[in-house]
All heavy atoms as atom14 arrays in JSON, in Angstrom:
{
  "sequence": "VAVIGHSRLGKTAVWAGASDPRFALVISGNSGCCGVAISRRC",
  "atom14_mask": [
    [1, 1, 1, 1, 1, 1, 1, 0, 0, 0, 0, 0, 0, 0],
    [1, 1, 1, 1, 1, 0, 0, 0, 0, 0, 0, 0, 0, 0],
    [1, 1, 1, 1, 1, 1, 1, 0, 0, 0, 0, 0, 0, 0],
    [1, 1, 1, 1, 1, 1, 1, 1, 0, 0, 0, 0, 0, 0],
    [1, 1, 1, 1, 0, 0, 0, 0, 0, 0, 0, 0, 0, 0],
    [1, 1, 1, 1, 1, 1, 1, 1, 1, 1, 0, 0, 0, 0],
    [1, 1, 1, 1, 1, 1, 0, 0, 0, 0, 0, 0, 0, 0],
    [1, 1, 1, 1, 1, 1, 1, 1, 1, 1, 1, 0, 0, 0],
    [1, 1, 1, 1, 1, 1, 1, 1, 0, 0, 0, 0, 0, 0],
    [1, 1, 1, 1, 0, 0, 0, 0, 0, 0, 0, 0, 0, 0],
    [1, 1, 1, 1, 1, 1, 1, 1, 1, 0, 0, 0, 0, 0],
    [1, 1, 1, 1, 1, 1, 1, 0, 0, 0, 0, 0, 0, 0],
    [1, 1, 1, 1, 1, 0, 0, 0, 0, 0, 0, 0, 0, 0],
    [1, 1, 1, 1, 1, 1, 1, 0, 0, 0, 0, 0, 0, 0],
    [1, 1, 1, 1, 1, 1, 1, 1, 1, 1, 1, 1, 1, 1],
    [1, 1, 1, 1, 1, 0, 0, 0, 0, 0, 0, 0, 0, 0],
    [1, 1, 1, 1, 0, 0, 0, 0, 0, 0, 0, 0, 0, 0],
    [1, 1, 1, 1, 1, 0, 0, 0, 0, 0, 0, 0, 0, 0],
    [1, 1, 1, 1, 1, 1, 0, 0, 0, 0, 0, 0, 0, 0],
    [1, 1, 1, 1, 1, 1, 1, 1, 0, 0, 0, 0, 0, 0],
    [1, 1, 1, 1, 1, 1, 1, 0, 0, 0, 0, 0, 0, 0],
    [1, 1, 1, 1, 1, 1, 1, 1, 1, 1, 1, 0, 0, 0],
    [1, 1, 1, 1, 1, 1, 1, 1, 1, 1, 1, 0, 0, 0],
    [1, 1, 1, 1, 1, 0, 0, 0, 0, 0, 0, 0, 0, 0],
    [1, 1, 1, 1, 1, 1, 1, 1, 0, 0, 0, 0, 0, 0],
    [1, 1, 1, 1, 1, 1, 1, 0, 0, 0, 0, 0, 0, 0],
    [1, 1, 1, 1, 1, 1, 1, 1, 0, 0, 0, 0, 0, 0],
    [1, 1, 1, 1, 1, 1, 0, 0, 0, 0, 0, 0, 0, 0],
    [1, 1, 1, 1, 0, 0, 0, 0, 0, 0, 0, 0, 0, 0],
    [1, 1, 1, 1, 1, 1, 1, 1, 0, 0, 0, 0, 0, 0],
    [1, 1, 1, 1, 1, 1, 0, 0, 0, 0, 0, 0, 0, 0],
    [1, 1, 1, 1, 0, 0, 0, 0, 0, 0, 0, 0, 0, 0],
    [1, 1, 1, 1, 1, 1, 0, 0, 0, 0, 0, 0, 0, 0],
    [1, 1, 1, 1, 1, 1, 0, 0, 0, 0, 0, 0, 0, 0],
    [1, 1, 1, 1, 0, 0, 0, 0, 0, 0, 0, 0, 0, 0],
    [1, 1, 1, 1, 1, 1, 1, 0, 0, 0, 0, 0, 0, 0],
    [1, 1, 1, 1, 1, 0, 0, 0, 0, 0, 0, 0, 0, 0],
    [1, 1, 1, 1, 1, 1, 1, 1, 0, 0, 0, 0, 0, 0],
    [1, 1, 1, 1, 1, 1, 0, 0, 0, 0, 0, 0, 0, 0],
    [1, 1, 1, 1, 1, 1, 1, 1, 1, 1, 1, 0, 0, 0],
    [1, 1, 1, 1, 1, 1, 1, 1, 1, 1, 1, 0, 0, 0],
    [1, 1, 1, 1, 1, 1, 0, 0, 0, 0, 0, 0, 0, 0]
  ],
  "atom14_positions": [
    [[-66.37, -88.63, -0.27], [-65.26, -89.52, -0.59], [-64.04, -89.05, 0.18], [-63.61, -87.91, 0.06], [-64.96, -89.57, -2.1], [-63.71, -90.4, -2.39], [-66.16, -90.15, -2.86], [0.0, 0.0, 0.0], [0.0, 0.0, 0.0], [0.0, 0.0, 0.0], [0.0, 0.0, 0.0], [0.0, 0.0, 0.0], [0.0, 0.0, 0.0], [0.0, 0.0, 0.0]],
    [[-63.48, -89.94, 0.99], [-62.27, -89.66, 1.75], [-61.09, -90.28, 1.03], [-61.13, -91.45, 0.64], [-62.37, -90.23, 3.16], [0.0, 0.0, 0.0], [0.0, 0.0, 0.0], [0.0, 0.0, 0.0], [0.0, 0.0, 0.0], [0.0, 0.0, 0.0], [0.0, 0.0, 0.0], [0.0, 0.0, 0.0], [0.0, 0.0, 0.0], [0.0, 0.0, 0.0]],
    [[-60.02, -89.53, 0.86], [-58.84, -90.02, 0.17], [-57.77, -90.34, 1.21], [-57.54, -89.57, 2.15], [-58.35, -88.98, -0.87], [-57.9, -87.7, -0.21], [-57.23, -89.54, -1.74], [0.0, 0.0, 0.0], [0.0, 0.0, 0.0], [0.0, 0.0, 0.0], [0.0, 0.0, 0.0], [0.0, 0.0, 0.0], [0.0, 0.0, 0.0], [0.0, 0.0, 0.0]],
    [[-57.13, -91.51, 1.08], [-56.2, -91.98, 2.09], [-54.99, -92.64, 1.45], [-55.1, -93.32, 0.42], [-56.89, -92.96, 3.07], [-55.89, -93.48, 4.11], [-57.56, -94.13, 2.32], [-56.54, -94.3, 5.22], [0.0, 0.0, 0.0], [0.0, 0.0, 0.0], [0.0, 0.0, 0.0], [0.0, 0.0, 0.0], [0.0, 0.0, 0.0], [0.0, 0.0, 0.0]],
    [[-53.83, -92.42, 2.07], [-52.6, -93.08, 1.65], [-51.62, -93.1, 2.81], [-51.77, -92.36, 3.79], [0.0, 0.0, 0.0], [0.0, 0.0, 0.0], [0.0, 0.0, 0.0], [0.0, 0.0, 0.0], [0.0, 0.0, 0.0], [0.0, 0.0, 0.0], [0.0, 0.0, 0.0], [0.0, 0.0, 0.0], [0.0, 0.0, 0.0], [0.0, 0.0, 0.0]],
    [[-50.59, -93.93, 2.69], [-49.59, -94.1, 3.75], [-48.2, -93.87, 3.2], [-47.87, -94.27, 2.08], [-49.71, -95.51, 4.33], [-48.55, -95.93, 5.18], [-48.24, -95.31, 6.38], [-47.62, -96.88, 5.0], [-47.17, -95.88, 6.9], [-46.76, -96.83, 6.07], [0.0, 0.0, 0.0], [0.0, 0.0, 0.0], [0.0, 0.0, 0.0], [0.0, 0.0, 0.0]],
    [[-47.33, -93.22, 4.0], [-45.93, -93.0, 3.66], [-45.82, -92.16, 2.39], [-46.41, -91.08, 2.33], [-45.22, -94.35, 3.53], [-43.83, -94.19, 3.46], [0.0, 0.0, 0.0], [0.0, 0.0, 0.0], [0.0, 0.0, 0.0], [0.0, 0.0, 0.0], [0.0, 0.0, 0.0], [0.0, 0.0, 0.0], [0.0, 0.0, 0.0], [0.0, 0.0, 0.0]],
    [[-45.11, -92.62, 1.36], [-45.04, -91.87, 0.11], [-46.43, -91.71, -0.49], [-46.7, -90.71, -1.18], [-44.1, -92.55, -0.87], [-44.56, -93.89, -1.43], [-43.44, -94.68, -2.1], [-42.46, -95.12, -1.11], [-41.36, -95.8, -1.42], [-41.1, -96.12, -2.67], [-40.51, -96.17, -0.47], [0.0, 0.0, 0.0], [0.0, 0.0, 0.0], [0.0, 0.0, 0.0]],
    [[-47.31, -92.66, -0.22], [-48.68, -92.55, -0.7], [-49.52, -91.68, 0.23], [-50.61, -91.24, -0.15], [-49.28, -93.94, -0.89], [-48.52, -94.81, -1.9], [-49.23, -96.15, -2.12], [-48.37, -94.09, -3.25], [0.0, 0.0, 0.0], [0.0, 0.0, 0.0], [0.0, 0.0, 0.0], [0.0, 0.0, 0.0], [0.0, 0.0, 0.0], [0.0, 0.0, 0.0]],
    [[-49.05, -91.43, 1.45], [-49.63, -90.39, 2.29], [-49.36, -89.02, 1.71], [-50.23, -88.16, 1.68], [0.0, 0.0, 0.0], [0.0, 0.0, 0.0], [0.0, 0.0, 0.0], [0.0, 0.0, 0.0], [0.0, 0.0, 0.0], [0.0, 0.0, 0.0], [0.0, 0.0, 0.0], [0.0, 0.0, 0.0], [0.0, 0.0, 0.0], [0.0, 0.0, 0.0]],
    [[-48.14, -88.8, 1.23], [-47.81, -87.57, 0.53], [-48.74, -87.42, -0.69], [-49.23, -86.33, -0.98], [-46.36, -87.59, 0.06], [-45.31, -87.91, 1.1], [-43.9, -87.89, 0.52], [-42.92, -88.73, 1.31], [-42.67, -88.3, 2.66], [0.0, 0.0, 0.0], [0.0, 0.0, 0.0], [0.0, 0.0, 0.0], [0.0, 0.0, 0.0], [0.0, 0.0, 0.0]],
    [[-48.95, -88.54, -1.36], [-49.8, -88.54, -2.55], [-51.23, -88.15, -2.21], [-51.84, -87.33, -2.89], [-49.78, -89.94, -3.21], [-48.44, -90.28, -3.6], [-50.68, -89.98, -4.42], [0.0, 0.0, 0.0], [0.0, 0.0, 0.0], [0.0, 0.0, 0.0], [0.0, 0.0, 0.0], [0.0, 0.0, 0.0], [0.0, 0.0, 0.0], [0.0, 0.0, 0.0]],
    [[-51.77, -88.76, -1.14], [-53.16, -88.47, -0.76], [-53.34, -87.01, -0.37], [-54.36, -86.4, -0.71], [-53.59, -89.39, 0.4], [0.0, 0.0, 0.0], [0.0, 0.0, 0.0], [0.0, 0.0, 0.0], [0.0, 0.0, 0.0], [0.0, 0.0, 0.0], [0.0, 0.0, 0.0], [0.0, 0.0, 0.0], [0.0, 0.0, 0.0], [0.0, 0.0, 0.0]],
    [[-52.36, -86.44, 0.32], [-52.46, -85.04, 0.72], [-52.44, -84.13, -0.52], [-53.23, -83.18, -0.61], [-51.33, -84.66, 1.69], [-51.36, -83.16, 1.99], [-51.47, -85.45, 3.0], [0.0, 0.0, 0.0], [0.0, 0.0, 0.0], [0.0, 0.0, 0.0], [0.0, 0.0, 0.0], [0.0, 0.0, 0.0], [0.0, 0.0, 0.0], [0.0, 0.0, 0.0]],
    [[-51.56, -84.42, -1.48], [-51.53, -83.62, -2.69], [-52.82, -83.8, -3.51], [-53.35, -82.85, -4.08], [-50.31, -83.94, -3.55], [-50.24, -83.14, -4.82], [-50.18, -83.6, -6.1], [-50.23, -81.71, -4.93], [-50.12, -82.58, -7.01], [-50.17, -81.39, -6.31], [-50.3, -80.66, -4.01], [-50.14, -80.07, -6.78], [-50.29, -79.34, -4.48], [-50.21, -79.07, -5.84]],
    [[-53.34, -85.02, -3.54], [-54.62, -85.25, -4.22], [-55.72, -84.41, -3.6], [-56.52, -83.78, -4.3], [-54.98, -86.74, -4.18], [0.0, 0.0, 0.0], [0.0, 0.0, 0.0], [0.0, 0.0, 0.0], [0.0, 0.0, 0.0], [0.0, 0.0, 0.0], [0.0, 0.0, 0.0], [0.0, 0.0, 0.0], [0.0, 0.0, 0.0], [0.0, 0.0, 0.0]],
    [[-55.77, -84.39, -2.27], [-56.78, -83.6, -1.58], [-56.58, -82.11, -1.76], [-57.55, -81.35, -1.87], [0.0, 0.0, 0.0], [0.0, 0.0, 0.0], [0.0, 0.0, 0.0], [0.0, 0.0, 0.0], [0.0, 0.0, 0.0], [0.0, 0.0, 0.0], [0.0, 0.0, 0.0], [0.0, 0.0, 0.0], [0.0, 0.0, 0.0], [0.0, 0.0, 0.0]],
    [[-55.33, -81.67, -1.8], [-55.04, -80.25, -1.98], [-55.34, -79.77, -3.38], [-55.82, -78.65, -3.58], [-53.57, -79.97, -1.64], [0.0, 0.0, 0.0], [0.0, 0.0, 0.0], [0.0, 0.0, 0.0], [0.0, 0.0, 0.0], [0.0, 0.0, 0.0], [0.0, 0.0, 0.0], [0.0, 0.0, 0.0], [0.0, 0.0, 0.0], [0.0, 0.0, 0.0]],
    [[-55.08, -80.59, -4.38], [-55.22, -80.18, -5.78], [-56.58, -80.5, -6.36], [-56.94, -79.95, -7.41], [-54.12, -80.84, -6.63], [-54.17, -82.26, -6.53], [0.0, 0.0, 0.0], [0.0, 0.0, 0.0], [0.0, 0.0, 0.0], [0.0, 0.0, 0.0], [0.0, 0.0, 0.0], [0.0, 0.0, 0.0], [0.0, 0.0, 0.0], [0.0, 0.0, 0.0]],
    [[-57.35, -81.37, -5.72], [-58.67, -81.75, -6.22], [-59.71, -81.56, -5.11], [-59.83, -82.41, -4.23], [-58.67, -83.2, -6.71], [-59.94, -83.58, -7.48], [-60.97, -82.89, -7.31], [-59.89, -84.56, -8.25], [0.0, 0.0, 0.0], [0.0, 0.0, 0.0], [0.0, 0.0, 0.0], [0.0, 0.0, 0.0], [0.0, 0.0, 0.0], [0.0, 0.0, 0.0]],
    [[-60.46, -80.47, -5.15], [-61.41, -80.17, -4.06], [-62.61, -81.1, -4.0], [-63.43, -80.98, -3.08], [-61.85, -78.73, -4.37], [-61.62, -78.57, -5.85], [-60.42, -79.4, -6.16], [0.0, 0.0, 0.0], [0.0, 0.0, 0.0], [0.0, 0.0, 0.0], [0.0, 0.0, 0.0], [0.0, 0.0, 0.0], [0.0, 0.0, 0.0], [0.0, 0.0, 0.0]],
    [[-62.73, -82.04, -4.94], [-63.84, -82.99, -4.89], [-63.71, -83.96, -3.72], [-64.72, -84.5, -3.26], [-63.94, -83.77, -6.19], [-64.32, -82.94, -7.4], [-64.35, -83.81, -8.67], [-63.05, -84.36, -8.99], [-62.83, -85.26, -9.95], [-63.83, -85.71, -10.67], [-61.61, -85.72, -10.19], [0.0, 0.0, 0.0], [0.0, 0.0, 0.0], [0.0, 0.0, 0.0]],
    [[-62.49, -84.18, -3.23], [-62.31, -85.08, -2.1], [-62.77, -84.37, -0.84], [-62.27, -83.3, -0.48], [-60.85, -85.51, -1.99], [-60.4, -86.35, -3.15], [-59.39, -85.91, -3.99], [-60.99, -87.57, -3.41], [-58.97, -86.67, -5.07], [-60.58, -88.34, -4.5], [-59.58, -87.9, -5.32], [0.0, 0.0, 0.0], [0.0, 0.0, 0.0], [0.0, 0.0, 0.0]],
    [[-63.71, -84.99, -0.13], [-64.35, -84.35, 1.01], [-63.55, -84.44, 2.29], [-63.76, -83.66, 3.22], [-65.75, -84.94, 1.23], [0.0, 0.0, 0.0], [0.0, 0.0, 0.0], [0.0, 0.0, 0.0], [0.0, 0.0, 0.0], [0.0, 0.0, 0.0], [0.0, 0.0, 0.0], [0.0, 0.0, 0.0], [0.0, 0.0, 0.0], [0.0, 0.0, 0.0]],
    [[-62.64, -85.39, 2.38], [-61.87, -85.62, 3.6], [-60.54, -86.23, 3.18], [-60.46, -87.03, 2.25], [-62.63, -86.55, 4.54], [-62.12, -86.78, 5.95], [-63.28, -87.06, 6.9], [-61.15, -87.96, 6.01], [0.0, 0.0, 0.0], [0.0, 0.0, 0.0], [0.0, 0.0, 0.0], [0.0, 0.0, 0.0], [0.0, 0.0, 0.0], [0.0, 0.0, 0.0]],
    [[-59.47, -85.85, 3.89], [-58.12, -86.3, 3.55], [-57.51, -86.97, 4.76], [-57.61, -86.47, 5.89], [-57.24, -85.11, 3.11], [-55.81, -85.58, 2.82], [-57.84, -84.42, 1.88], [0.0, 0.0, 0.0], [0.0, 0.0, 0.0], [0.0, 0.0, 0.0], [0.0, 0.0, 0.0], [0.0, 0.0, 0.0], [0.0, 0.0, 0.0], [0.0, 0.0, 0.0]],
    [[-56.85, -88.11, 4.54], [-56.16, -88.82, 5.61], [-54.7, -88.99, 5.24], [-54.36, -89.6, 4.23], [-56.81, -90.19, 5.88], [-58.27, -90.01, 6.32], [-56.02, -90.95, 6.94], [-59.04, -91.31, 6.44], [0.0, 0.0, 0.0], [0.0, 0.0, 0.0], [0.0, 0.0, 0.0], [0.0, 0.0, 0.0], [0.0, 0.0, 0.0], [0.0, 0.0, 0.0]],
    [[-53.84, -88.43, 6.08], [-52.39, -88.51, 5.91], [-51.82, -89.53, 6.86], [-51.77, -89.3, 8.08], [-51.76, -87.13, 6.17], [-50.36, -87.24, 6.4], [0.0, 0.0, 0.0], [0.0, 0.0, 0.0], [0.0, 0.0, 0.0], [0.0, 0.0, 0.0], [0.0, 0.0, 0.0], [0.0, 0.0, 0.0], [0.0, 0.0, 0.0], [0.0, 0.0, 0.0]],
    [[-51.38, -90.66, 6.34], [-50.76, -91.68, 7.16], [-49.25, -91.6, 7.08], [-48.66, -91.97, 6.07], [0.0, 0.0, 0.0], [0.0, 0.0, 0.0], [0.0, 0.0, 0.0], [0.0, 0.0, 0.0], [0.0, 0.0, 0.0], [0.0, 0.0, 0.0], [0.0, 0.0, 0.0], [0.0, 0.0, 0.0], [0.0, 0.0, 0.0], [0.0, 0.0, 0.0]],
    [[-48.62, -91.06, 8.13], [-47.16, -91.01, 8.23], [-46.54, -90.41, 6.96], [-45.56, -90.95, 6.42], [-46.59, -92.4, 8.47], [-47.24, -93.13, 9.64], [-47.89, -94.14, 9.45], [-47.07, -92.61, 10.84], [0.0, 0.0, 0.0], [0.0, 0.0, 0.0], [0.0, 0.0, 0.0], [0.0, 0.0, 0.0], [0.0, 0.0, 0.0], [0.0, 0.0, 0.0]],
    [[-47.06, -89.3, 6.5], [-46.61, -88.71, 5.24], [-45.27, -88.02, 5.34], [-44.57, -87.86, 4.34], [-47.67, -87.75, 4.68], [-47.86, -86.65, 5.55], [0.0, 0.0, 0.0], [0.0, 0.0, 0.0], [0.0, 0.0, 0.0], [0.0, 0.0, 0.0], [0.0, 0.0, 0.0], [0.0, 0.0, 0.0], [0.0, 0.0, 0.0], [0.0, 0.0, 0.0]],
    [[-44.87, -87.57, 6.53], [-43.53, -87.06, 6.77], [-43.13, -85.87, 5.91], [-43.95, -85.06, 5.5], [0.0, 0.0, 0.0], [0.0, 0.0, 0.0], [0.0, 0.0, 0.0], [0.0, 0.0, 0.0], [0.0, 0.0, 0.0], [0.0, 0.0, 0.0], [0.0, 0.0, 0.0], [0.0, 0.0, 0.0], [0.0, 0.0, 0.0], [0.0, 0.0, 0.0]],
    [[-41.81, -85.79, 5.65], [-41.26, -84.72, 4.84], [-41.87, -84.76, 3.44], [-42.06, -85.83, 2.86], [-39.75, -84.87, 4.74], [-38.9, -83.63, 3.75], [0.0, 0.0, 0.0], [0.0, 0.0, 0.0], [0.0, 0.0, 0.0], [0.0, 0.0, 0.0], [0.0, 0.0, 0.0], [0.0, 0.0, 0.0], [0.0, 0.0, 0.0], [0.0, 0.0, 0.0]],
    [[-42.19, -83.6, 2.92], [-42.85, -83.47, 1.62], [-44.31, -83.92, 1.68], [-45.01, -83.92, 0.67], [-42.11, -84.22, 0.51], [-40.34, -83.9, 0.44], [0.0, 0.0, 0.0], [0.0, 0.0, 0.0], [0.0, 0.0, 0.0], [0.0, 0.0, 0.0], [0.0, 0.0, 0.0], [0.0, 0.0, 0.0], [0.0, 0.0, 0.0], [0.0, 0.0, 0.0]],
    [[-44.74, -84.31, 2.89], [-46.15, -84.55, 3.14], [-46.67, -83.41, 4.0], [-46.77, -82.28, 3.54], [0.0, 0.0, 0.0], [0.0, 0.0, 0.0], [0.0, 0.0, 0.0], [0.0, 0.0, 0.0], [0.0, 0.0, 0.0], [0.0, 0.0, 0.0], [0.0, 0.0, 0.0], [0.0, 0.0, 0.0], [0.0, 0.0, 0.0], [0.0, 0.0, 0.0]],
    [[-46.96, -83.69, 5.28], [-47.45, -82.64, 6.16], [-46.4, -82.15, 7.15], [-46.64, -81.16, 7.86], [-48.72, -83.08, 6.93], [-49.83, -83.48, 5.95], [-48.41, -84.23, 7.88], [0.0, 0.0, 0.0], [0.0, 0.0, 0.0], [0.0, 0.0, 0.0], [0.0, 0.0, 0.0], [0.0, 0.0, 0.0], [0.0, 0.0, 0.0], [0.0, 0.0, 0.0]],
    [[-45.24, -82.81, 7.24], [-44.21, -82.39, 8.19], [-43.49, -81.14, 7.7], [-43.2, -81.01, 6.5], [-43.2, -83.51, 8.42], [0.0, 0.0, 0.0], [0.0, 0.0, 0.0], [0.0, 0.0, 0.0], [0.0, 0.0, 0.0], [0.0, 0.0, 0.0], [0.0, 0.0, 0.0], [0.0, 0.0, 0.0], [0.0, 0.0, 0.0], [0.0, 0.0, 0.0]],
    [[-43.16, -80.26, 8.61], [-42.48, -79.01, 8.28], [-41.09, -79.29, 7.71], [-40.24, -79.88, 8.38], [-42.37, -78.1, 9.52], [-43.77, -77.72, 10.04], [-41.55, -76.86, 9.21], [-44.61, -76.94, 9.06], [0.0, 0.0, 0.0], [0.0, 0.0, 0.0], [0.0, 0.0, 0.0], [0.0, 0.0, 0.0], [0.0, 0.0, 0.0], [0.0, 0.0, 0.0]],
    [[-40.83, -78.86, 6.49], [-39.54, -79.14, 5.84], [-38.39, -78.42, 6.51], [-37.27, -78.94, 6.6], [-39.61, -78.75, 4.36], [-40.55, -79.53, 3.67], [0.0, 0.0, 0.0], [0.0, 0.0, 0.0], [0.0, 0.0, 0.0], [0.0, 0.0, 0.0], [0.0, 0.0, 0.0], [0.0, 0.0, 0.0], [0.0, 0.0, 0.0], [0.0, 0.0, 0.0]],
    [[-38.62, -77.2, 6.99], [-37.56, -76.39, 7.59], [-37.02, -76.98, 8.88], [-35.96, -76.54, 9.35], [-38.05, -74.95, 7.81], [-38.08, -74.1, 6.53], [-38.81, -72.79, 6.76], [-38.66, -71.84, 5.65], [-39.29, -71.88, 4.52], [-40.21, -72.86, 4.32], [-39.09, -70.99, 3.57], [0.0, 0.0, 0.0], [0.0, 0.0, 0.0], [0.0, 0.0, 0.0]],
    [[-37.68, -77.95, 9.46], [-37.15, -78.61, 10.64], [-35.96, -79.5, 10.29], [-35.11, -79.76, 11.15], [-38.23, -79.44, 11.33], [-39.14, -78.63, 12.22], [-40.23, -79.47, 12.85], [-39.78, -80.74, 13.4], [-39.16, -80.91, 14.57], [-38.89, -79.84, 15.32], [-38.8, -82.11, 14.98], [0.0, 0.0, 0.0], [0.0, 0.0, 0.0], [0.0, 0.0, 0.0]],
    [[-35.89, -80.0, 9.09], [-34.77, -80.85, 8.66], [-34.55, -81.99, 9.65], [-33.41, -82.3, 10.05], [-33.49, -80.03, 8.51], [-33.62, -78.68, 7.32], [0.0, 0.0, 0.0], [0.0, 0.0, 0.0], [0.0, 0.0, 0.0], [0.0, 0.0, 0.0], [0.0, 0.0, 0.0], [0.0, 0.0, 0.0], [0.0, 0.0, 0.0], [0.0, 0.0, 0.0]]
  ]
}
């Protein structure tokens, strides 16, 4: 099962994949800050 979301829901999909190891594959669509983008870059 691949979990996918876009924008704020991209952030959601990444956290779902990180917190629930049952998801076999994670797709981050434009998740940005608080998703996969480095926060310290500002």
